[in-house]
Amino acid sequence: MSEDFMILSKVFTKLTEDFRFLTKDSRKLTEPIFQMTEHLKYLSKHPRTIVQTLLQNSIKMSELE
């Protein structure tokens, strides 16, 4: 479970960084926040999907590096 927590922590850190970037131009802010909120609503109903998605994304990122 702690590994899942670490992955989620990294994701929320990234979301926070993205949010800070977007707040520099507030016109760009509304749509991404809406999309993120909808996505998080879905994921909160399907917690297993969170871990699967994060693992797939981390594999894709490691392939890019």
PDB file of N, CA and C in Angstrom:
ATOM      1  N   MET A   1       0.827  -1.210   0.000  1.00  0.00           N
ATOM      2  CA  MET A   1       0.000   0.000   0.000  1.00  0.00           C
ATOM      3  C   MET A   1       0.862   1.261   0.000  1.00  0.00           C
ATOM      4  N   SER A   2       2.007   1.209   0.638  1.00  0.00           N
ATOM      5  CA  SER A   2       2.838   2.401   0.675  1.00  0.00           C
ATOM      6  C   SER A   2       3.366   2.767  -0.715  1.00  0.00           C
ATOM      7  N   GLU A   3       3.580   1.760  -1.570  1.00  0.00           N
ATOM      8  CA  GLU A   3       4.012   2.051  -2.936  1.00  0.00           C
ATOM      9  C   GLU A   3       2.917   2.802  -3.689  1.00  0.00           C
ATOM     10  N   ASP A   4       1.669   2.369  -3.493  1.00  0.00           N
ATOM     11  CA  ASP A   4       0.538   3.075  -4.101  1.00  0.00           C
ATOM     12  C   ASP A   4       0.482   4.513  -3.609  1.00  0.00           C
ATOM     13  N   PHE A   5       0.717   4.684  -2.325  1.00  0.00           N
ATOM     14  CA  PHE A   5       0.698   6.031  -1.753  1.00  0.00           C
ATOM     15  C   PHE A   5       1.785   6.892  -2.376  1.00  0.00           C
ATOM     16  N   MET A   6       2.953   6.328  -2.563  1.00  0.00           N
ATOM     17  CA  MET A   6       4.055   7.085  -3.163  1.00  0.00           C
ATOM     18  C   MET A   6       3.703   7.504  -4.593  1.00  0.00           C
ATOM     19  N   ILE A   7       3.096   6.601  -5.333  1.00  0.00           N
ATOM     20  CA  ILE A   7       2.707   6.918  -6.716  1.00  0.00           C
ATOM     21  C   ILE A   7       1.673   8.032  -6.717  1.00  0.00           C
ATOM     22  N   LEU A   8       0.664   7.907  -5.861  1.00  0.00           N
ATOM     23  CA  LEU A   8      -0.369   8.941  -5.790  1.00  0.00           C
ATOM     24  C   LEU A   8       0.226  10.277  -5.352  1.00  0.00           C
ATOM     25  N   SER A   9       1.161  10.236  -4.441  1.00  0.00           N
ATOM     26  CA  SER A   9       1.815  11.452  -3.978  1.00  0.00           C
ATOM     27  C   SER A   9       2.517  12.157  -5.142  1.00  0.00           C
ATOM     28  N   LYS A  10       3.204  11.381  -5.964  1.00  0.00           N
ATOM     29  CA  LYS A  10       3.885  11.963  -7.132  1.00  0.00           C
ATOM     30  C   LYS A  10       2.891  12.573  -8.107  1.00  0.00           C
ATOM     31  N   VAL A  11       1.773  11.882  -8.298  1.00  0.00           N
ATOM     32  CA  VAL A  11       0.753  12.394  -9.217  1.00  0.00           C
ATOM     33  C   VAL A  11       0.199  13.724  -8.721  1.00  0.00           C
ATOM     34  N   PHE A  12      -0.147  13.786  -7.433  1.00  0.00           N
ATOM     35  CA  PHE A  12      -0.705  15.025  -6.909  1.00  0.00           C
ATOM     36  C   PHE A  12       0.330  16.155  -6.892  1.00  0.00           C
ATOM     37  N   THR A  13       1.597  15.805  -6.702  1.00  0.00           N
ATOM     38  CA  THR A  13       2.651  16.816  -6.802  1.00  0.00           C
ATOM     39  C   THR A  13       2.689  17.388  -8.211  1.00  0.00           C
ATOM     40  N   LYS A  14       2.601  16.503  -9.206  1.00  0.00           N
ATOM     41  CA  LYS A  14       2.600  16.938 -10.604  1.00  0.00           C
ATOM     42  C   LYS A  14       1.380  17.803 -10.908  1.00  0.00           C
ATOM     43  N   LEU A  15       0.215  17.376 -10.405  1.00  0.00           N
ATOM     44  CA  LEU A  15      -0.993  18.176 -10.617  1.00  0.00           C
ATOM     45  C   LEU A  15      -0.852  19.560 -10.002  1.00  0.00           C
ATOM     46  N   THR A  16      -0.227  19.627  -8.842  1.00  0.00           N
ATOM     47  CA  THR A  16      -0.012  20.910  -8.175  1.00  0.00           C
ATOM     48  C   THR A  16       0.896  21.799  -9.012  1.00  0.00           C
ATOM     49  N   GLU A  17       1.962  21.224  -9.547  1.00  0.00           N
ATOM     50  CA  GLU A  17       2.873  21.993 -10.406  1.00  0.00           C
ATOM     51  C   GLU A  17       2.141  22.495 -11.647  1.00  0.00           C
ATOM     52  N   ASP A  18       1.329  21.620 -12.246  1.00  0.00           N
ATOM     53  CA  ASP A  18       0.564  22.024 -13.426  1.00  0.00           C
ATOM     54  C   ASP A  18      -0.406  23.148 -13.073  1.00  0.00           C
ATOM     55  N   PHE A  19      -1.026  23.029 -11.926  1.00  0.00           N
ATOM     56  CA  PHE A  19      -1.973  24.046 -11.483  1.00  0.00           C
ATOM     57  C   PHE A  19      -1.278  25.395 -11.323  1.00  0.00           C
ATOM     58  N   ARG A  20      -0.101  25.397 -10.720  1.00  0.00           N
ATOM     59  CA  ARG A  20       0.660  26.656 -10.557  1.00  0.00           C
ATOM     60  C   ARG A  20       0.993  27.269 -11.900  1.00  0.00           C
ATOM     61  N   PHE A  21       1.375  26.416 -12.853  1.00  0.00           N
ATOM     62  CA  PHE A  21       1.692  26.904 -14.195  1.00  0.00           C
ATOM     63  C   PHE A  21       0.450  27.522 -14.842  1.00  0.00           C
ATOM     64  N   LEU A  22      -0.675  26.837 -14.719  1.00  0.00           N
ATOM     65  CA  LEU A  22      -1.903  27.308 -15.358  1.00  0.00           C
ATOM     66  C   LEU A  22      -2.417  28.599 -14.738  1.00  0.00           C
ATOM     67  N   THR A  23      -2.176  28.805 -13.461  1.00  0.00           N
ATOM     68  CA  THR A  23      -2.688  30.014 -12.819  1.00  0.00           C
ATOM     69  C   THR A  23      -1.985  31.272 -13.318  1.00  0.00           C
ATOM     70  N   LYS A  24      -0.885  31.109 -14.013  1.00  0.00           N
ATOM     71  CA  LYS A  24      -0.217  32.279 -14.591  1.00  0.00           C
ATOM     72  C   LYS A  24      -1.093  32.932 -15.663  1.00  0.00           C
ATOM     73  N   ASP A  25      -1.905  32.125 -16.311  1.00  0.00           N
ATOM     74  CA  ASP A  25      -2.830  32.641 -17.317  1.00  0.00           C
ATOM     75  C   ASP A  25      -4.204  32.044 -17.011  1.00  0.00           C
ATOM     76  N   SER A  26      -5.007  32.793 -16.281  1.00  0.00           N
ATOM     77  CA  SER A  26      -6.268  32.246 -15.763  1.00  0.00           C
ATOM     78  C   SER A  26      -7.263  31.838 -16.853  1.00  0.00           C
ATOM     79  N   ARG A  27      -7.124  32.378 -18.034  1.00  0.00           N
ATOM     80  CA  ARG A  27      -8.037  31.962 -19.111  1.00  0.00           C
ATOM     81  C   ARG A  27      -7.816  30.497 -19.472  1.00  0.00           C
ATOM     82  N   LYS A  28      -6.596  30.012 -19.296  1.00  0.00           N
ATOM     83  CA  LYS A  28      -6.288  28.615 -19.605  1.00  0.00           C
ATOM     84  C   LYS A  28      -6.699  27.688 -18.463  1.00  0.00           C
ATOM     85  N   LEU A  29      -7.140  28.241 -17.382  1.00  0.00           N
ATOM     86  CA  LEU A  29      -7.334  27.478 -16.155  1.00  0.00           C
ATOM     87  C   LEU A  29      -8.627  26.679 -16.109  1.00  0.00           C
ATOM     88  N   THR A  30      -9.721  27.248 -16.531  1.00  0.00           N
ATOM     89  CA  THR A  30     -11.036  26.667 -16.294  1.00  0.00           C
ATOM     90  C   THR A  30     -11.207  25.281 -16.890  1.00  0.00           C
ATOM     91  N   GLU A  31     -10.911  25.120 -18.152  1.00  0.00           N
ATOM     92  CA  GLU A  31     -11.140  23.831 -18.811  1.00  0.00           C
ATOM     93  C   GLU A  31     -10.288  22.704 -18.230  1.00  0.00           C
ATOM     94  N   PRO A  32      -8.975  22.876 -18.041  1.00  0.00           N
ATOM     95  CA  PRO A  32      -8.187  21.780 -17.445  1.00  0.00           C
ATOM     96  C   PRO A  32      -8.653  21.404 -16.037  1.00  0.00           C
ATOM     97  N   ILE A  33      -9.068  22.377 -15.255  1.00  0.00           N
ATOM     98  CA  ILE A  33      -9.550  22.064 -13.903  1.00  0.00           C
ATOM     99  C   ILE A  33     -10.839  21.264 -13.993  1.00  0.00           C
ATOM    100  N   PHE A  34     -11.717  21.652 -14.892  1.00  0.00           N
ATOM    101  CA  PHE A  34     -12.958  20.898 -15.075  1.00  0.00           C
ATOM    102  C   PHE A  34     -12.652  19.458 -15.488  1.00  0.00           C
ATOM    103  N   GLN A  35     -11.756  19.284 -16.449  1.00  0.00           N
ATOM    104  CA  GLN A  35     -11.390  17.942 -16.909  1.00  0.00           C
ATOM    105  C   GLN A  35     -10.766  17.126 -15.783  1.00  0.00           C
ATOM    106  N   MET A  36      -9.877  17.744 -15.033  1.00  0.00           N
ATOM    107  CA  MET A  36      -9.221  17.054 -13.929  1.00  0.00           C
ATOM    108  C   MET A  36     -10.249  16.631 -12.877  1.00  0.00           C
ATOM    109  N   THR A  37     -11.182  17.513 -12.584  1.00  0.00           N
ATOM    110  CA  THR A  37     -12.207  17.208 -11.588  1.00  0.00           C
ATOM    111  C   THR A  37     -13.069  16.038 -12.039  1.00  0.00           C
ATOM    112  N   GLU A  38     -13.477  16.055 -13.291  1.00  0.00           N
ATOM    113  CA  GLU A  38     -14.286  14.955 -13.814  1.00  0.00           C
ATOM    114  C   GLU A  38     -13.506  13.639 -13.782  1.00  0.00           C
ATOM    115  N   HIS A  39     -12.245  13.722 -14.133  1.00  0.00           N
ATOM    116  CA  HIS A  39     -11.406  12.529 -14.136  1.00  0.00           C
ATOM    117  C   HIS A  39     -11.245  11.985 -12.708  1.00  0.00           C
ATOM    118  N   LEU A  40     -11.020  12.876 -11.764  1.00  0.00           N
ATOM    119  CA  LEU A  40     -10.861  12.436 -10.373  1.00  0.00           C
ATOM    120  C   LEU A  40     -12.164  11.865  -9.813  1.00  0.00           C
ATOM    121  N   LYS A  41     -13.288  12.413 -10.219  1.00  0.00           N
ATOM    122  CA  LYS A  41     -14.578  11.849  -9.791  1.00  0.00           C
ATOM    123  C   LYS A  41     -14.710  10.415 -10.267  1.00  0.00           C
ATOM    124  N   TYR A  42     -14.343  10.203 -11.519  1.00  0.00           N
ATOM    125  CA  TYR A  42     -14.417   8.848 -12.071  1.00  0.00           C
ATOM    126  C   TYR A  42     -13.466   7.909 -11.320  1.00  0.00           C
ATOM    127  N   LEU A  43     -12.229   8.369 -11.146  1.00  0.00           N
ATOM    128  CA  LEU A  43     -11.235   7.520 -10.501  1.00  0.00           C
ATOM    129  C   LEU A  43     -11.593   7.198  -9.053  1.00  0.00           C
ATOM    130  N   SER A  44     -12.223   8.130  -8.385  1.00  0.00           N
ATOM    131  CA  SER A  44     -12.585   7.876  -6.987  1.00  0.00           C
ATOM    132  C   SER A  44     -13.631   6.770  -6.880  1.00  0.00           C
ATOM    133  N   LYS A  45     -14.381   6.567  -7.948  1.00  0.00           N
ATOM    134  CA  LYS A  45     -15.370   5.482  -7.960  1.00  0.00           C
ATOM    135  C   LYS A  45     -14.726   4.157  -8.355  1.00  0.00           C
ATOM    136  N   HIS A  46     -13.536   4.230  -8.947  1.00  0.00           N
ATOM    137  CA  HIS A  46     -12.847   3.025  -9.434  1.00  0.00           C
ATOM    138  C   HIS A  46     -11.386   3.061  -8.984  1.00  0.00           C
ATOM    139  N   PRO A  47     -11.139   2.823  -7.688  1.00  0.00           N
ATOM    140  CA  PRO A  47      -9.775   2.979  -7.164  1.00  0.00           C
ATOM    141  C   PRO A  47      -8.741   2.066  -7.828  1.00  0.00           C
ATOM    142  N   ARG A  48      -9.175   0.915  -8.276  1.00  0.00           N
ATOM    143  CA  ARG A  48      -8.233   0.005  -8.927  1.00  0.00           C
ATOM    144  C   ARG A  48      -7.714   0.627 -10.232  1.00  0.00           C
ATOM    145  N   THR A  49      -8.562   1.390 -10.882  1.00  0.00           N
ATOM    146  CA  THR A  49      -8.182   2.059 -12.129  1.00  0.00           C
ATOM    147  C   THR A  49      -7.047   3.048 -11.882  1.00  0.00           C
ATOM    148  N   ILE A  50      -7.058   3.683 -10.717  1.00  0.00           N
ATOM    149  CA  ILE A  50      -6.004   4.652 -10.391  1.00  0.00           C
ATOM    150  C   ILE A  50      -4.646   3.969 -10.467  1.00  0.00           C
ATOM    151  N   VAL A  51      -4.511   2.870  -9.761  1.00  0.00           N
ATOM    152  CA  VAL A  51      -3.225   2.189  -9.708  1.00  0.00           C
ATOM    153  C   VAL A  51      -2.831   1.671 -11.080  1.00  0.00           C
ATOM    154  N   GLN A  52      -3.762   1.079 -11.807  1.00  0.00           N
ATOM    155  CA  GLN A  52      -3.460   0.560 -13.146  1.00  0.00           C
ATOM    156  C   GLN A  52      -3.008   1.681 -14.076  1.00  0.00           C
ATOM    157  N   THR A  53      -3.712   2.798 -14.034  1.00  0.00           N
ATOM    158  CA  THR A  53      -3.373   3.930 -14.896  1.00  0.00           C
ATOM    159  C   THR A  53      -2.005   4.496 -14.538  1.00  0.00           C
ATOM    160  N   LEU A  54      -1.760   4.637 -13.253  1.00  0.00           N
ATOM    161  CA  LEU A  54      -0.471   5.182 -12.809  1.00  0.00           C
ATOM    162  C   LEU A  54       0.675   4.264 -13.202  1.00  0.00           C
ATOM    163  N   LEU A  55       0.474   2.981 -13.061  1.00  0.00           N
ATOM    164  CA  LEU A  55       1.527   2.037 -13.440  1.00  0.00           C
ATOM    165  C   LEU A  55       1.778   2.093 -14.942  1.00  0.00           C
ATOM    166  N   GLN A  56       0.724   2.163 -15.741  1.00  0.00           N
ATOM    167  CA  GLN A  56       0.888   2.260 -17.191  1.00  0.00           C
ATOM    168  C   GLN A  56       1.627   3.539 -17.562  1.00  0.00           C
ATOM    169  N   ASN A  57       1.260   4.638 -16.911  1.00  0.00           N
ATOM    170  CA  ASN A  57       1.911   5.917 -17.204  1.00  0.00           C
ATOM    171  C   ASN A  57       3.369   5.907 -16.778  1.00  0.00           C
ATOM    172  N   SER A  58       3.659   5.295 -15.639  1.00  0.00           N
ATOM    173  CA  SER A  58       5.049   5.262 -15.191  1.00  0.00           C
ATOM    174  C   SER A  58       5.892   4.394 -16.125  1.00  0.00           C
ATOM    175  N   ILE A  59       5.288   3.323 -16.658  1.00  0.00           N
ATOM    176  CA  ILE A  59       6.008   2.486 -17.628  1.00  0.00           C
ATOM    177  C   ILE A  59       6.280   3.297 -18.896  1.00  0.00           C
ATOM    178  N   LYS A  60       5.277   4.032 -19.370  1.00  0.00           N
ATOM    179  CA  LYS A  60       5.449   4.862 -20.573  1.00  0.00           C
ATOM    180  C   LYS A  60       6.527   5.915 -20.339  1.00  0.00           C
ATOM    181  N   MET A  61       6.509   6.539 -19.161  1.00  0.00           N
ATOM    182  CA  MET A  61       7.501   7.577 -18.857  1.00  0.00           C
ATOM    183  C   MET A  61       8.903   6.979 -18.806  1.00  0.00           C
ATOM    184  N   SER A  62       9.037   5.791 -18.219  1.00  0.00           N
ATOM    185  CA  SER A  62      10.362   5.177 -18.133  1.00  0.00           C
ATOM    186  C   SER A  62      10.872   4.801 -19.525  1.00  0.00           C
ATOM    187  N   GLU A  63       9.973   4.466 -20.433  1.00  0.00           N
ATOM    188  CA  GLU A  63      10.385   4.156 -21.798  1.00  0.00           C
ATOM    189  C   GLU A  63      10.872   5.404 -22.523  1.00  0.00           C
ATOM    190  N   LEU A  64      10.319   6.553 -22.169  1.00  0.00           N
ATOM    191  CA  LEU A  64      10.713   7.806 -22.815  1.00  0.00           C
ATOM    192  C   LEU A  64      12.071   8.301 -22.327  1.00  0.00           C
ATOM    193  N   GLU A  65      12.403   7.959 -21.110  1.00  0.00           N
ATOM    194  CA  GLU A  65      13.648   8.488 -20.527  1.00  0.00           C
ATOM    195  C   GLU A  65      14.878   7.844 -21.082  1.00  0.00           C
TER     196      GLU A  65
END
